[in-house]
Amino acid sequence: MIGLVNGQENFDAHVRRIGGNLPERGDVFIFQFTDRQYENIVRFSDQSRRRRRKNPEQIALF
């Protein structure tokens, strides 16, 4: 699952919610990126480099 949230408070709320609903087995990884870090991500797909996408206008997806 991939989710983007707006703001530290919203991020912390999601971390608490996820922490309270952990699966019985397996691992959960949560990464936090700033807008600046997100826009500097380099993506390779199908053996070629893809153009950087503009930051999404809608920042909360779940």
N, C-alpha and C. Protein backbone atom coordinates (compact mmCIF):
# COMPACT_ATOMS: atom_id res chain seq x y z
N MET A 1 0.85 -1.17 0.00
CA MET A 1 0.00 0.00 0.00
C MET A 1 0.89 1.23 0.00
N ILE A 2 0.54 2.19 -0.77
CA ILE A 2 1.27 3.45 -0.82
C ILE A 2 0.30 4.55 -0.41
N GLY A 3 0.73 5.39 0.49
CA GLY A 3 -0.11 6.50 0.90
C GLY A 3 0.71 7.75 1.08
N LEU A 4 0.16 8.85 0.69
CA LEU A 4 0.81 10.13 0.86
C LEU A 4 -0.04 10.95 1.81
N VAL A 5 0.60 11.59 2.77
CA VAL A 5 -0.14 12.41 3.72
C VAL A 5 0.44 13.81 3.75
N ASN A 6 -0.36 14.75 4.18
CA ASN A 6 0.05 16.14 4.23
C ASN A 6 0.30 16.55 5.67
N GLY A 7 1.54 16.83 6.03
CA GLY A 7 1.86 17.34 7.35
C GLY A 7 2.30 16.28 8.34
N GLN A 8 3.10 16.72 9.30
CA GLN A 8 3.64 15.82 10.31
C GLN A 8 2.56 15.24 11.21
N GLU A 9 1.57 16.04 11.61
CA GLU A 9 0.50 15.53 12.47
C GLU A 9 -0.27 14.42 11.78
N ASN A 10 -0.58 14.61 10.51
CA ASN A 10 -1.29 13.59 9.75
C ASN A 10 -0.44 12.33 9.62
N PHE A 11 0.85 12.50 9.38
CA PHE A 11 1.77 11.37 9.30
C PHE A 11 1.78 10.60 10.62
N ASP A 12 1.92 11.32 11.73
CA ASP A 12 1.95 10.68 13.05
C ASP A 12 0.66 9.92 13.33
N ALA A 13 -0.48 10.48 12.94
CA ALA A 13 -1.77 9.82 13.14
C ALA A 13 -1.82 8.51 12.36
N HIS A 14 -1.33 8.51 11.14
CA HIS A 14 -1.32 7.28 10.34
C HIS A 14 -0.38 6.24 10.94
N VAL A 15 0.77 6.68 11.44
CA VAL A 15 1.71 5.75 12.06
C VAL A 15 1.06 5.10 13.28
N ARG A 16 0.36 5.89 14.10
CA ARG A 16 -0.32 5.32 15.27
C ARG A 16 -1.40 4.33 14.84
N ARG A 17 -2.16 4.69 13.80
CA ARG A 17 -3.22 3.80 13.33
C ARG A 17 -2.64 2.48 12.81
N ILE A 18 -1.58 2.58 12.03
CA ILE A 18 -0.94 1.38 11.50
C ILE A 18 -0.35 0.56 12.64
N GLY A 19 0.30 1.23 13.60
CA GLY A 19 0.88 0.53 14.75
C GLY A 19 -0.14 -0.23 15.57
N GLY A 20 -1.36 0.26 15.60
CA GLY A 20 -2.43 -0.41 16.34
C GLY A 20 -3.09 -1.54 15.57
N ASN A 21 -2.73 -1.70 14.30
CA ASN A 21 -3.35 -2.73 13.45
C ASN A 21 -2.31 -3.55 12.72
N LEU A 22 -1.23 -3.88 13.39
CA LEU A 22 -0.14 -4.63 12.73
C LEU A 22 -0.56 -6.06 12.44
N PRO A 23 -0.07 -6.61 11.34
CA PRO A 23 -0.36 -8.00 11.02
C PRO A 23 0.34 -8.92 12.02
N GLU A 24 -0.19 -10.13 12.16
CA GLU A 24 0.40 -11.10 13.09
C GLU A 24 1.82 -11.48 12.67
N ARG A 25 2.04 -11.55 11.37
CA ARG A 25 3.37 -11.90 10.85
C ARG A 25 3.77 -10.90 9.79
N GLY A 26 5.06 -10.81 9.55
CA GLY A 26 5.57 -9.95 8.49
C GLY A 26 6.11 -8.64 9.03
N ASP A 27 6.53 -7.80 8.14
CA ASP A 27 7.14 -6.52 8.48
C ASP A 27 6.34 -5.38 7.86
N VAL A 28 6.40 -4.25 8.51
CA VAL A 28 5.78 -3.02 7.99
C VAL A 28 6.87 -1.96 7.97
N PHE A 29 7.07 -1.33 6.83
CA PHE A 29 8.04 -0.25 6.70
C PHE A 29 7.29 1.02 6.36
N ILE A 30 7.63 2.11 7.02
CA ILE A 30 7.02 3.40 6.76
C ILE A 30 8.15 4.37 6.44
N PHE A 31 8.08 5.00 5.29
CA PHE A 31 9.10 5.96 4.87
C PHE A 31 8.48 7.35 4.87
N GLN A 32 9.25 8.32 5.32
CA GLN A 32 8.79 9.70 5.32
C GLN A 32 9.74 10.52 4.46
N PHE A 33 9.17 11.19 3.46
CA PHE A 33 9.92 12.06 2.56
C PHE A 33 9.31 13.45 2.60
N THR A 34 10.15 14.45 2.51
CA THR A 34 9.63 15.81 2.35
C THR A 34 9.25 16.00 0.88
N ASP A 35 8.52 17.07 0.59
CA ASP A 35 8.17 17.38 -0.81
C ASP A 35 9.43 17.49 -1.66
N ARG A 36 10.44 18.12 -1.10
CA ARG A 36 11.70 18.33 -1.83
C ARG A 36 12.37 16.99 -2.13
N GLN A 37 12.40 16.09 -1.15
CA GLN A 37 13.00 14.78 -1.38
C GLN A 37 12.20 13.99 -2.41
N TYR A 38 10.87 14.08 -2.35
CA TYR A 38 10.01 13.36 -3.29
C TYR A 38 10.26 13.82 -4.72
N GLU A 39 10.38 15.12 -4.90
CA GLU A 39 10.55 15.63 -6.27
C GLU A 39 11.93 15.29 -6.83
N ASN A 40 12.88 14.89 -6.00
CA ASN A 40 14.22 14.53 -6.47
C ASN A 40 14.41 13.03 -6.65
N ILE A 41 13.35 12.25 -6.52
CA ILE A 41 13.46 10.81 -6.72
C ILE A 41 13.73 10.53 -8.20
N VAL A 42 14.66 9.65 -8.48
CA VAL A 42 14.97 9.23 -9.85
C VAL A 42 14.35 7.86 -10.04
N ARG A 43 13.63 7.68 -11.15
CA ARG A 43 12.93 6.43 -11.40
C ARG A 43 13.41 5.83 -12.72
N PHE A 44 13.73 4.54 -12.68
CA PHE A 44 14.05 3.78 -13.88
C PHE A 44 12.97 2.73 -14.06
N SER A 45 12.46 2.61 -15.27
CA SER A 45 11.42 1.63 -15.56
C SER A 45 11.61 1.14 -16.99
N ASP A 46 11.47 -0.15 -17.17
CA ASP A 46 11.62 -0.74 -18.51
C ASP A 46 12.94 -0.34 -19.16
N GLN A 47 13.99 -0.37 -18.39
CA GLN A 47 15.35 -0.11 -18.87
C GLN A 47 15.57 1.32 -19.35
N SER A 48 14.72 2.25 -18.93
CA SER A 48 14.95 3.65 -19.31
C SER A 48 14.60 4.56 -18.14
N ARG A 49 15.16 5.74 -18.18
CA ARG A 49 14.91 6.71 -17.13
C ARG A 49 13.63 7.46 -17.43
N ARG A 50 12.78 7.59 -16.43
CA ARG A 50 11.50 8.29 -16.60
C ARG A 50 11.63 9.73 -16.13
N ARG A 51 10.87 10.61 -16.77
CA ARG A 51 10.85 12.01 -16.35
C ARG A 51 10.28 12.12 -14.94
N ARG A 52 10.77 13.10 -14.25
CA ARG A 52 10.27 13.38 -12.92
C ARG A 52 8.83 13.86 -13.01
N ARG A 53 7.97 13.31 -12.15
CA ARG A 53 6.59 13.76 -12.13
C ARG A 53 6.42 14.90 -11.15
N LYS A 54 5.50 15.79 -11.45
CA LYS A 54 5.19 16.88 -10.55
C LYS A 54 4.56 16.31 -9.28
N ASN A 55 4.81 16.95 -8.15
CA ASN A 55 4.18 16.50 -6.91
C ASN A 55 2.67 16.45 -7.09
N PRO A 56 2.03 15.44 -6.54
CA PRO A 56 0.58 15.33 -6.71
C PRO A 56 -0.15 16.47 -6.02
N GLU A 57 -1.26 16.89 -6.60
CA GLU A 57 -2.07 17.94 -5.99
C GLU A 57 -2.81 17.40 -4.79
N GLN A 58 -3.30 16.16 -4.89
CA GLN A 58 -3.99 15.52 -3.78
C GLN A 58 -2.94 14.74 -3.02
N ILE A 59 -2.76 15.03 -1.73
CA ILE A 59 -1.65 14.42 -1.03
C ILE A 59 -2.07 13.33 -0.05
N ALA A 60 -3.33 13.01 0.08
CA ALA A 60 -3.72 11.93 0.99
C ALA A 60 -4.43 10.83 0.20
N LEU A 61 -3.79 9.70 0.08
CA LEU A 61 -4.36 8.56 -0.65
C LEU A 61 -4.32 7.33 0.23
N PHE A 62 -5.47 6.78 0.53
CA PHE A 62 -5.54 5.52 1.28
C PHE A 62 -6.72 4.73 0.86
